[in-house]
Amino acid sequence: MMVLNDKLKTLIESVPKNLCGVYYLLNDKKEIIYIGKSINIRNRLVQHFKSTEKKEVKLQHFTDSVEYENLGSELIALLRESELIKNHLPIFNRAQRKIKFFYGIYQAKTPEGYMALTIKKIEANKEELLSFTSLIEAKNYLFLITEKYFLCQKINGLYKTSSACFQYNLKECFGACINQEDYKQYNKRVKVFIESIQLPKKDFLFELQGRNDHEKGIVLIEKGVYKGFGFCDKDLTDLDELKKCIQHKQDNRDIRRILFRFIKLEISASINKG
């Protein structure tokens, strides 16, 4: 770990202690070169500025000032960070900028009525169920899902044959490949899988830690679509008034991933409490 110089120490001390939110590192031209989020921004800056990793040393060299937003909760910080990186495309956020998804798993239907999960190159005008950086990553995932839900490799395009698929001989496929299993029964399992990876098509209003003791943060999802976040008085309970506090934001694939992960954790926590 490197020793902090006076300039970096001053930048760290300019940020209040125990602040949860997003932060911007700017160069001497006041251009944003990095955007991050943390439940403790000051501690995160110490990690940046004491690191001896090549990328971090370069970041230390070019950082001239620090700005931040107090957001109160990790979820809102994650949502805001994702939005800001897309808007500003900072040079040191190269990892988030460069991740590209080339293949997707799409839903289709066979002439016999079976729901198929097929791998295709990402199409801008079609909504994929899941996206992957490579064909091998997509195939490996689809093999696992096909096995887990007792689906058919032939129907999912993983096993080319004019007769039964290989898994049928192992009794891991119930015969959809040769029209032996009722397509309605088969499709039920496909739907269970699809529901497990999607935001529920219902409304959620999450109430979270606010930026101070007198307010709360709120995140709104309507019919499975992200609407935005905001802040309001801690004691406000009227739904229509709460919705007026929402800053409307754009829904996208990355945002849905963040929210899906959060909802899964919330559901898991409530089950464990019960």
C-alpha atoms as a PDB file:
ATOM      1  CA  MET A   1       0.000   0.000   0.000  1.00  0.00           C
ATOM      2  CA  MET A   2       1.315   3.431  -0.901  1.00  0.00           C
ATOM      3  CA  VAL A   3       1.558   6.411   1.488  1.00  0.00           C
ATOM      4  CA  LEU A   4      -0.997   9.142   0.786  1.00  0.00           C
ATOM      5  CA  ASN A   5       0.385  12.511  -0.281  1.00  0.00           C
ATOM      6  CA  ASP A   6      -1.110  15.757   1.014  1.00  0.00           C
ATOM      7  CA  LYS A   7      -3.254  16.342  -2.062  1.00  0.00           C
ATOM      8  CA  LEU A   8      -4.925  12.910  -1.859  1.00  0.00           C
ATOM      9  CA  LYS A   9      -5.385  13.245   1.910  1.00  0.00           C
ATOM     10  CA  THR A  10      -7.175  16.569   1.369  1.00  0.00           C
ATOM     11  CA  LEU A  11      -9.457  15.037  -1.261  1.00  0.00           C
ATOM     12  CA  ILE A  12     -10.416  12.205   1.092  1.00  0.00           C
ATOM     13  CA  GLU A  13     -11.065  14.593   3.991  1.00  0.00           C
ATOM     14  CA  SER A  14     -13.337  16.709   1.773  1.00  0.00           C
ATOM     15  CA  VAL A  15     -15.886  13.880   1.849  1.00  0.00           C
ATOM     16  CA  PRO A  16     -18.030  13.454   5.004  1.00  0.00           C
ATOM     17  CA  LYS A  17     -17.552  10.255   6.998  1.00  0.00           C
ATOM     18  CA  ASN A  18     -19.963   7.300   6.572  1.00  0.00           C
ATOM     19  CA  LEU A  19     -21.556   8.727   3.418  1.00  0.00           C
ATOM     20  CA  CYS A  20     -23.386   6.261   1.141  1.00  0.00           C
ATOM     21  CA  GLY A  21     -23.760   7.278  -2.477  1.00  0.00           C
ATOM     22  CA  VAL A  22     -21.876   7.893  -5.700  1.00  0.00           C
ATOM     23  CA  TYR A  23     -18.658   9.823  -6.238  1.00  0.00           C
ATOM     24  CA  TYR A  24     -16.944  11.430  -9.222  1.00  0.00           C
ATOM     25  CA  LEU A  25     -13.210  11.780  -9.725  1.00  0.00           C
ATOM     26  CA  LEU A  26     -12.354  14.749 -11.959  1.00  0.00           C
ATOM     27  CA  ASN A  27      -9.144  15.822 -13.712  1.00  0.00           C
ATOM     28  CA  ASP A  28      -7.664  19.332 -13.782  1.00  0.00           C
ATOM     29  CA  LYS A  29      -9.989  20.227 -16.686  1.00  0.00           C
ATOM     30  CA  LYS A  30     -12.994  19.356 -14.525  1.00  0.00           C
ATOM     31  CA  GLU A  31     -13.753  16.340 -16.720  1.00  0.00           C
ATOM     32  CA  ILE A  32     -15.215  13.263 -14.984  1.00  0.00           C
ATOM     33  CA  ILE A  33     -12.678  10.448 -15.333  1.00  0.00           C
ATOM     34  CA  TYR A  34     -14.239   7.908 -12.956  1.00  0.00           C
ATOM     35  CA  ILE A  35     -17.621   7.283 -11.311  1.00  0.00           C
ATOM     36  CA  GLY A  36     -18.095   4.851  -8.442  1.00  0.00           C
ATOM     37  CA  LYS A  37     -20.522   3.979  -5.661  1.00  0.00           C
ATOM     38  CA  SER A  38     -19.948   2.924  -2.075  1.00  0.00           C
ATOM     39  CA  ILE A  39     -21.758   2.533   1.216  1.00  0.00           C
ATOM     40  CA  ASN A  40     -18.790   4.484   2.645  1.00  0.00           C
ATOM     41  CA  ILE A  41     -17.332   6.827   0.030  1.00  0.00           C
ATOM     42  CA  ARG A  42     -14.438   8.049   2.164  1.00  0.00           C
ATOM     43  CA  ASN A  43     -13.225   4.490   2.834  1.00  0.00           C
ATOM     44  CA  ARG A  44     -13.529   3.660  -0.856  1.00  0.00           C
ATOM     45  CA  LEU A  45     -11.396   6.679  -1.781  1.00  0.00           C
ATOM     46  CA  VAL A  46      -8.712   5.496   0.655  1.00  0.00           C
ATOM     47  CA  GLN A  47      -8.672   2.165  -1.211  1.00  0.00           C
ATOM     48  CA  HIS A  48      -8.335   3.949  -4.566  1.00  0.00           C
ATOM     49  CA  PHE A  49      -5.587   6.289  -3.405  1.00  0.00           C
ATOM     50  CA  LYS A  50      -3.519   3.758  -1.448  1.00  0.00           C
ATOM     51  CA  SER A  51      -3.567   1.050  -4.104  1.00  0.00           C
ATOM     52  CA  THR A  52      -0.408   0.231  -6.064  1.00  0.00           C
ATOM     53  CA  GLU A  53      -2.292  -1.393  -8.963  1.00  0.00           C
ATOM     54  CA  LYS A  54      -1.383   0.110 -12.321  1.00  0.00           C
ATOM     55  CA  LYS A  55      -4.886   1.399 -13.103  1.00  0.00           C
ATOM     56  CA  GLU A  56      -5.304   2.919  -9.637  1.00  0.00           C
ATOM     57  CA  VAL A  57      -1.895   4.640  -9.754  1.00  0.00           C
ATOM     58  CA  LYS A  58      -2.928   6.271 -13.049  1.00  0.00           C
ATOM     59  CA  LEU A  59      -6.229   7.285 -11.474  1.00  0.00           C
ATOM     60  CA  GLN A  60      -4.365   8.869  -8.538  1.00  0.00           C
ATOM     61  CA  HIS A  61      -2.152  10.814 -10.947  1.00  0.00           C
ATOM     62  CA  PHE A  62      -5.024  12.281 -12.991  1.00  0.00           C
ATOM     63  CA  THR A  63      -7.468  12.970 -10.125  1.00  0.00           C
ATOM     64  CA  ASP A  64      -7.608  16.664  -9.297  1.00  0.00           C
ATOM     65  CA  SER A  65     -10.900  16.895  -7.393  1.00  0.00           C
ATOM     66  CA  VAL A  66     -13.704  14.774  -5.949  1.00  0.00           C
ATOM     67  CA  GLU A  67     -17.455  15.352  -6.046  1.00  0.00           C
ATOM     68  CA  TYR A  68     -20.156  13.170  -4.503  1.00  0.00           C
ATOM     69  CA  GLU A  69     -23.884  12.617  -4.087  1.00  0.00           C
ATOM     70  CA  ASN A  70     -25.359  11.487  -0.797  1.00  0.00           C
ATOM     71  CA  LEU A  71     -27.965   8.839  -1.670  1.00  0.00           C
ATOM     72  CA  GLY A  72     -28.555   7.076   1.645  1.00  0.00           C
ATOM     73  CA  SER A  73     -28.888   3.481   0.435  1.00  0.00           C
ATOM     74  CA  GLU A  74     -26.837   1.038  -1.590  1.00  0.00           C
ATOM     75  CA  LEU A  75     -29.694   0.236  -3.994  1.00  0.00           C
ATOM     76  CA  ILE A  76     -30.214   3.869  -5.021  1.00  0.00           C
ATOM     77  CA  ALA A  77     -26.433   4.307  -5.251  1.00  0.00           C
ATOM     78  CA  LEU A  78     -26.223   1.305  -7.628  1.00  0.00           C
ATOM     79  CA  LEU A  79     -29.067   2.637  -9.790  1.00  0.00           C
ATOM     80  CA  ARG A  80     -27.555   6.126  -9.926  1.00  0.00           C
ATOM     81  CA  GLU A  81     -24.040   4.832 -10.679  1.00  0.00           C
ATOM     82  CA  SER A  82     -25.321   2.773 -13.619  1.00  0.00           C
ATOM     83  CA  GLU A  83     -27.214   5.780 -15.009  1.00  0.00           C
ATOM     84  CA  LEU A  84     -24.249   8.152 -14.633  1.00  0.00           C
ATOM     85  CA  ILE A  85     -21.693   5.836 -16.251  1.00  0.00           C
ATOM     86  CA  LYS A  86     -23.941   5.499 -19.320  1.00  0.00           C
ATOM     87  CA  ASN A  87     -24.373   9.289 -19.494  1.00  0.00           C
ATOM     88  CA  HIS A  88     -20.731  10.309 -18.978  1.00  0.00           C
ATOM     89  CA  LEU A  89     -18.719   7.269 -20.195  1.00  0.00           C
ATOM     90  CA  PRO A  90     -15.693   8.111 -17.999  1.00  0.00           C
ATOM     91  CA  ILE A  91     -12.337   6.931 -19.315  1.00  0.00           C
ATOM     92  CA  PHE A  92     -11.499   4.930 -16.159  1.00  0.00           C
ATOM     93  CA  ASN A  93     -14.849   3.113 -16.162  1.00  0.00           C
ATOM     94  CA  ARG A  94     -13.655   1.168 -19.184  1.00  0.00           C
ATOM     95  CA  ALA A  95     -14.797  -2.188 -17.755  1.00  0.00           C
ATOM     96  CA  GLN A  96     -18.422  -1.044 -17.457  1.00  0.00           C
ATOM     97  CA  ARG A  97     -18.237   0.650 -20.863  1.00  0.00           C
ATOM     98  CA  LYS A  98     -16.712  -2.252 -22.749  1.00  0.00           C
ATOM     99  CA  ILE A  99     -18.807  -5.162 -21.534  1.00  0.00           C
ATOM    100  CA  LYS A 100     -20.764  -6.155 -24.605  1.00  0.00           C
ATOM    101  CA  PHE A 101     -23.260  -8.937 -24.925  1.00  0.00           C
ATOM    102  CA  PHE A 102     -23.149 -10.678 -28.287  1.00  0.00           C
ATOM    103  CA  TYR A 103     -25.451 -13.667 -27.722  1.00  0.00           C
ATOM    104  CA  GLY A 104     -28.826 -14.027 -26.098  1.00  0.00           C
ATOM    105  CA  ILE A 105     -31.282 -16.740 -25.102  1.00  0.00           C
ATOM    106  CA  TYR A 106     -34.591 -16.115 -26.850  1.00  0.00           C
ATOM    107  CA  GLN A 107     -37.987 -17.663 -26.415  1.00  0.00           C
ATOM    108  CA  ALA A 108     -39.590 -19.384 -29.431  1.00  0.00           C
ATOM    109  CA  LYS A 109     -42.242 -22.002 -30.112  1.00  0.00           C
ATOM    110  CA  THR A 110     -41.985 -25.190 -32.154  1.00  0.00           C
ATOM    111  CA  PRO A 111     -44.704 -26.141 -34.676  1.00  0.00           C
ATOM    112  CA  GLU A 112     -45.821 -28.775 -32.119  1.00  0.00           C
ATOM    113  CA  GLY A 113     -46.386 -26.061 -29.456  1.00  0.00           C
ATOM    114  CA  TYR A 114     -43.311 -26.604 -27.261  1.00  0.00           C
ATOM    115  CA  MET A 115     -41.642 -23.480 -25.852  1.00  0.00           C
ATOM    116  CA  ALA A 116     -38.023 -23.486 -27.002  1.00  0.00           C
ATOM    117  CA  LEU A 117     -35.086 -21.605 -25.486  1.00  0.00           C
ATOM    118  CA  THR A 118     -32.704 -20.841 -28.328  1.00  0.00           C
ATOM    119  CA  ILE A 119     -29.354 -19.064 -28.592  1.00  0.00           C
ATOM    120  CA  LYS A 120     -29.038 -16.312 -31.194  1.00  0.00           C
ATOM    121  CA  LYS A 121     -26.866 -13.293 -31.817  1.00  0.00           C
ATOM    122  CA  ILE A 122     -28.252 -10.252 -29.993  1.00  0.00           C
ATOM    123  CA  GLU A 123     -30.901  -8.479 -32.059  1.00  0.00           C
ATOM    124  CA  ALA A 124     -31.501  -4.810 -31.224  1.00  0.00           C
ATOM    125  CA  ASN A 125     -35.227  -4.970 -32.016  1.00  0.00           C
ATOM    126  CA  LYS A 126     -35.900  -8.127 -29.963  1.00  0.00           C
ATOM    127  CA  GLU A 127     -35.842  -8.585 -26.199  1.00  0.00           C
ATOM    128  CA  GLU A 128     -33.704 -11.527 -25.116  1.00  0.00           C
ATOM    129  CA  LEU A 129     -34.357 -13.395 -21.862  1.00  0.00           C
ATOM    130  CA  LEU A 130     -30.651 -13.393 -20.907  1.00  0.00           C
ATOM    131  CA  SER A 131     -27.503 -12.045 -22.554  1.00  0.00           C
ATOM    132  CA  PHE A 132     -23.946 -13.390 -22.717  1.00  0.00           C
ATOM    133  CA  THR A 133     -20.540 -12.192 -23.847  1.00  0.00           C
ATOM    134  CA  SER A 134     -19.763 -15.341 -25.855  1.00  0.00           C
ATOM    135  CA  LEU A 135     -21.432 -18.288 -27.569  1.00  0.00           C
ATOM    136  CA  ILE A 136     -19.723 -20.819 -25.280  1.00  0.00           C
ATOM    137  CA  GLU A 137     -20.957 -18.954 -22.172  1.00  0.00           C
ATOM    138  CA  ALA A 138     -24.524 -19.002 -23.546  1.00  0.00           C
ATOM    139  CA  LYS A 139     -24.329 -22.704 -24.450  1.00  0.00           C
ATOM    140  CA  ASN A 140     -22.945 -23.726 -21.064  1.00  0.00           C
ATOM    141  CA  TYR A 141     -25.752 -21.858 -19.313  1.00  0.00           C
ATOM    142  CA  LEU A 142     -28.446 -23.337 -21.570  1.00  0.00           C
ATOM    143  CA  PHE A 143     -27.104 -26.864 -21.005  1.00  0.00           C
ATOM    144  CA  LEU A 144     -27.376 -26.311 -17.223  1.00  0.00           C
ATOM    145  CA  ILE A 145     -30.911 -24.903 -17.467  1.00  0.00           C
ATOM    146  CA  THR A 146     -32.022 -27.691 -19.794  1.00  0.00           C
ATOM    147  CA  GLU A 147     -30.767 -30.258 -17.301  1.00  0.00           C
ATOM    148  CA  LYS A 148     -32.121 -28.492 -14.199  1.00  0.00           C
ATOM    149  CA  TYR A 149     -35.678 -28.117 -15.545  1.00  0.00           C
ATOM    150  CA  PHE A 150     -35.781 -31.468 -17.414  1.00  0.00           C
ATOM    151  CA  LEU A 151     -36.109 -29.734 -20.763  1.00  0.00           C
ATOM    152  CA  CYS A 152     -35.163 -31.150 -24.147  1.00  0.00           C
ATOM    153  CA  GLN A 153     -31.739 -30.554 -25.721  1.00  0.00           C
ATOM    154  CA  LYS A 154     -33.206 -31.087 -29.195  1.00  0.00           C
ATOM    155  CA  ILE A 155     -35.954 -28.491 -28.712  1.00  0.00           C
ATOM    156  CA  ASN A 156     -33.409 -26.032 -27.273  1.00  0.00           C
ATOM    157  CA  GLY A 157     -31.100 -26.487 -30.264  1.00  0.00           C
ATOM    158  CA  LEU A 158     -28.322 -28.190 -28.292  1.00  0.00           C
ATOM    159  CA  TYR A 159     -28.593 -31.653 -29.863  1.00  0.00           C
ATOM    160  CA  LYS A 160     -29.221 -32.167 -33.564  1.00  0.00           C
ATOM    161  CA  THR A 161     -31.133 -35.341 -34.327  1.00  0.00           C
ATOM    162  CA  SER A 162     -34.206 -36.483 -36.225  1.00  0.00           C
ATOM    163  CA  SER A 163     -35.224 -38.782 -33.368  1.00  0.00           C
ATOM    164  CA  ALA A 164     -34.987 -38.690 -29.550  1.00  0.00           C
ATOM    165  CA  CYS A 165     -32.374 -36.526 -27.845  1.00  0.00           C
ATOM    166  CA  PHE A 166     -29.483 -38.008 -25.876  1.00  0.00           C
ATOM    167  CA  GLN A 167     -31.028 -36.968 -22.532  1.00  0.00           C
ATOM    168  CA  TYR A 168     -34.164 -38.989 -23.292  1.00  0.00           C
ATOM    169  CA  ASN A 169     -32.101 -42.190 -23.155  1.00  0.00           C
ATOM    170  CA  LEU A 170     -30.821 -41.101 -19.722  1.00  0.00           C
ATOM    171  CA  LYS A 171     -34.402 -40.410 -18.571  1.00  0.00           C
ATOM    172  CA  GLU A 172     -33.523 -36.702 -18.135  1.00  0.00           C
ATOM    173  CA  CYS A 173     -35.962 -35.675 -20.890  1.00  0.00           C
ATOM    174  CA  PHE A 174     -39.580 -36.818 -20.802  1.00  0.00           C
ATOM    175  CA  GLY A 175     -39.896 -37.275 -24.563  1.00  0.00           C
ATOM    176  CA  ALA A 176     -40.790 -33.840 -25.890  1.00  0.00           C
ATOM    177  CA  CYS A 177     -38.256 -34.469 -28.680  1.00  0.00           C
ATOM    178  CA  ILE A 178     -40.479 -37.256 -30.043  1.00  0.00           C
ATOM    179  CA  ASN A 179     -43.818 -35.632 -29.064  1.00  0.00           C
ATOM    180  CA  GLN A 180     -44.228 -38.088 -26.211  1.00  0.00           C
ATOM    181  CA  GLU A 181     -44.651 -35.467 -23.469  1.00  0.00           C
ATOM    182  CA  ASP A 182     -47.697 -33.187 -23.523  1.00  0.00           C
ATOM    183  CA  TYR A 183     -46.499 -29.725 -24.628  1.00  0.00           C
ATOM    184  CA  LYS A 184     -48.567 -28.019 -21.890  1.00  0.00           C
ATOM    185  CA  GLN A 185     -46.728 -29.940 -19.165  1.00  0.00           C
ATOM    186  CA  TYR A 186     -43.396 -29.191 -20.815  1.00  0.00           C
ATOM    187  CA  ASN A 187     -44.186 -25.479 -21.183  1.00  0.00           C
ATOM    188  CA  LYS A 188     -45.039 -25.203 -17.486  1.00  0.00           C
ATOM    189  CA  ARG A 189     -41.398 -25.949 -16.616  1.00  0.00           C
ATOM    190  CA  VAL A 190     -40.130 -23.459 -19.190  1.00  0.00           C
ATOM    191  CA  LYS A 191     -42.396 -20.780 -17.665  1.00  0.00           C
ATOM    192  CA  VAL A 192     -41.062 -21.549 -14.170  1.00  0.00           C
ATOM    193  CA  PHE A 193     -37.548 -20.917 -15.466  1.00  0.00           C
ATOM    194  CA  ILE A 194     -38.537 -17.672 -17.241  1.00  0.00           C
ATOM    195  CA  GLU A 195     -40.298 -16.364 -14.123  1.00  0.00           C
ATOM    196  CA  SER A 196     -37.158 -17.126 -12.088  1.00  0.00           C
ATOM    197  CA  ILE A 197     -35.061 -14.696 -14.177  1.00  0.00           C
ATOM    198  CA  GLN A 198     -37.508 -11.830 -14.695  1.00  0.00           C
ATOM    199  CA  LEU A 199     -38.762  -8.982 -12.586  1.00  0.00           C
ATOM    200  CA  PRO A 200     -42.272  -9.897 -11.428  1.00  0.00           C
ATOM    201  CA  LYS A 201     -44.867  -8.100 -13.582  1.00  0.00           C
ATOM    202  CA  LYS A 202     -46.272  -6.258 -10.593  1.00  0.00           C
ATOM    203  CA  ASP A 203     -45.794  -3.049  -8.628  1.00  0.00           C
ATOM    204  CA  PHE A 204     -43.112  -2.509  -5.993  1.00  0.00           C
ATOM    205  CA  LEU A 205     -42.398   0.559  -3.910  1.00  0.00           C
ATOM    206  CA  PHE A 206     -39.238   0.011  -1.884  1.00  0.00           C
ATOM    207  CA  GLU A 207     -38.713   2.250   1.142  1.00  0.00           C
ATOM    208  CA  LEU A 208     -35.037   2.643   1.996  1.00  0.00           C
ATOM    209  CA  GLN A 209     -32.631   4.596   4.174  1.00  0.00           C
ATOM    210  CA  GLY A 210     -32.777   8.321   3.352  1.00  0.00           C
ATOM    211  CA  ARG A 211     -29.992  10.894   3.095  1.00  0.00           C
ATOM    212  CA  ASN A 212     -30.705  12.022   6.655  1.00  0.00           C
ATOM    213  CA  ASP A 213     -32.778  10.983   9.683  1.00  0.00           C
ATOM    214  CA  HIS A 214     -35.853  12.898   8.509  1.00  0.00           C
ATOM    215  CA  GLU A 215     -36.394  11.283   5.123  1.00  0.00           C
ATOM    216  CA  LYS A 216     -36.532   7.955   3.317  1.00  0.00           C
ATOM    217  CA  GLY A 217     -35.436   6.880  -0.122  1.00  0.00           C
ATOM    218  CA  ILE A 218     -37.979   5.256  -2.426  1.00  0.00           C
ATOM    219  CA  VAL A 219     -37.670   3.161  -5.598  1.00  0.00           C
ATOM    220  CA  LEU A 220     -40.703   2.556  -7.820  1.00  0.00           C
ATOM    221  CA  ILE A 221     -41.367  -0.383 -10.145  1.00  0.00           C
ATOM    222  CA  GLU A 222     -44.713  -0.581 -11.964  1.00  0.00           C
ATOM    223  CA  LYS A 223     -45.790  -3.783 -13.740  1.00  0.00           C
ATOM    224  CA  GLY A 224     -42.186  -4.958 -13.737  1.00  0.00           C
ATOM    225  CA  VAL A 225     -40.838  -1.705 -15.256  1.00  0.00           C
ATOM    226  CA  TYR A 226     -38.425   0.543 -13.346  1.00  0.00           C
ATOM    227  CA  LYS A 227     -39.852   4.077 -13.021  1.00  0.00           C
ATOM    228  CA  GLY A 228     -37.211   5.803 -10.915  1.00  0.00           C
ATOM    229  CA  PHE A 229     -36.200   6.775  -7.387  1.00  0.00           C
ATOM    230  CA  GLY A 230     -36.664   9.729  -5.072  1.00  0.00           C
ATOM    231  CA  PHE A 231     -36.676  10.999  -1.508  1.00  0.00           C
ATOM    232  CA  CYS A 232     -39.518  12.090   0.749  1.00  0.00           C
ATOM    233  CA  ASP A 233     -40.468  12.750   4.360  1.00  0.00           C
ATOM    234  CA  LYS A 234     -39.931   9.701   6.553  1.00  0.00           C
ATOM    235  CA  ASP A 235     -43.566   9.688   7.745  1.00  0.00           C
ATOM    236  CA  LEU A 236     -45.185  10.005   4.301  1.00  0.00           C
ATOM    237  CA  THR A 237     -47.381   6.951   3.577  1.00  0.00           C
ATOM    238  CA  ASP A 238     -49.917   8.038   0.920  1.00  0.00           C
ATOM    239  CA  LEU A 239     -49.070   6.140  -2.288  1.00  0.00           C
ATOM    240  CA  ASP A 240     -50.032   8.961  -4.671  1.00  0.00           C
ATOM    241  CA  GLU A 241     -47.940  11.456  -2.682  1.00  0.00           C
ATOM    242  CA  LEU A 242     -45.017   9.028  -2.577  1.00  0.00           C
ATOM    243  CA  LYS A 243     -45.155   8.631  -6.359  1.00  0.00           C
ATOM    244  CA  LYS A 244     -44.925  12.415  -6.771  1.00  0.00           C
ATOM    245  CA  CYS A 245     -41.486  12.265  -5.151  1.00  0.00           C
ATOM    246  CA  ILE A 246     -40.103   9.898  -7.798  1.00  0.00           C
ATOM    247  CA  GLN A 247     -37.534  11.273 -10.259  1.00  0.00           C
ATOM    248  CA  HIS A 248     -38.399   9.425 -13.448  1.00  0.00           C
ATOM    249  CA  LYS A 249     -35.558   7.361 -14.877  1.00  0.00           C
ATOM    250  CA  GLN A 250     -34.958   5.110 -17.863  1.00  0.00           C
ATOM    251  CA  ASP A 251     -35.413   1.361 -17.617  1.00  0.00           C
ATOM    252  CA  ASN A 252     -32.724  -0.780 -19.257  1.00  0.00           C
ATOM    253  CA  ARG A 253     -31.108  -4.213 -19.067  1.00  0.00           C
ATOM    254  CA  ASP A 254     -28.448  -3.231 -16.504  1.00  0.00           C
ATOM    255  CA  ILE A 255     -31.006  -1.548 -14.240  1.00  0.00           C
ATOM    256  CA  ARG A 256     -33.215  -4.641 -14.374  1.00  0.00           C
ATOM    257  CA  ARG A 257     -30.263  -6.805 -13.335  1.00  0.00           C
ATOM    258  CA  ILE A 258     -29.663  -4.585 -10.281  1.00  0.00           C
ATOM    259  CA  LEU A 259     -33.341  -4.613  -9.291  1.00  0.00           C
ATOM    260  CA  PHE A 260     -33.773  -8.336  -9.938  1.00  0.00           C
ATOM    261  CA  ARG A 261     -30.810  -9.113  -7.682  1.00  0.00           C
ATOM    262  CA  PHE A 262     -32.233  -6.827  -4.966  1.00  0.00           C
ATOM    263  CA  ILE A 263     -35.733  -8.344  -5.162  1.00  0.00           C
ATOM    264  CA  LYS A 264     -34.322 -11.883  -4.979  1.00  0.00           C
ATOM    265  CA  LEU A 265     -32.355 -10.914  -1.845  1.00  0.00           C
ATOM    266  CA  GLU A 266     -35.440  -9.283  -0.303  1.00  0.00           C
ATOM    267  CA  ILE A 267     -37.584 -12.364  -0.987  1.00  0.00           C
ATOM    268  CA  SER A 268     -34.858 -14.636   0.416  1.00  0.00           C
ATOM    269  CA  ALA A 269     -34.540 -12.475   3.555  1.00  0.00           C
ATOM    270  CA  SER A 270     -38.311 -12.510   4.139  1.00  0.00           C
ATOM    271  CA  ILE A 271     -38.403 -16.314   3.767  1.00  0.00           C
ATOM    272  CA  ASN A 272     -35.557 -16.697   6.277  1.00  0.00           C
ATOM    273  CA  LYS A 273     -37.319 -14.388   8.749  1.00  0.00           C
ATOM    274  CA  GLY A 274     -40.502 -16.393   8.411  1.00  0.00           C
END
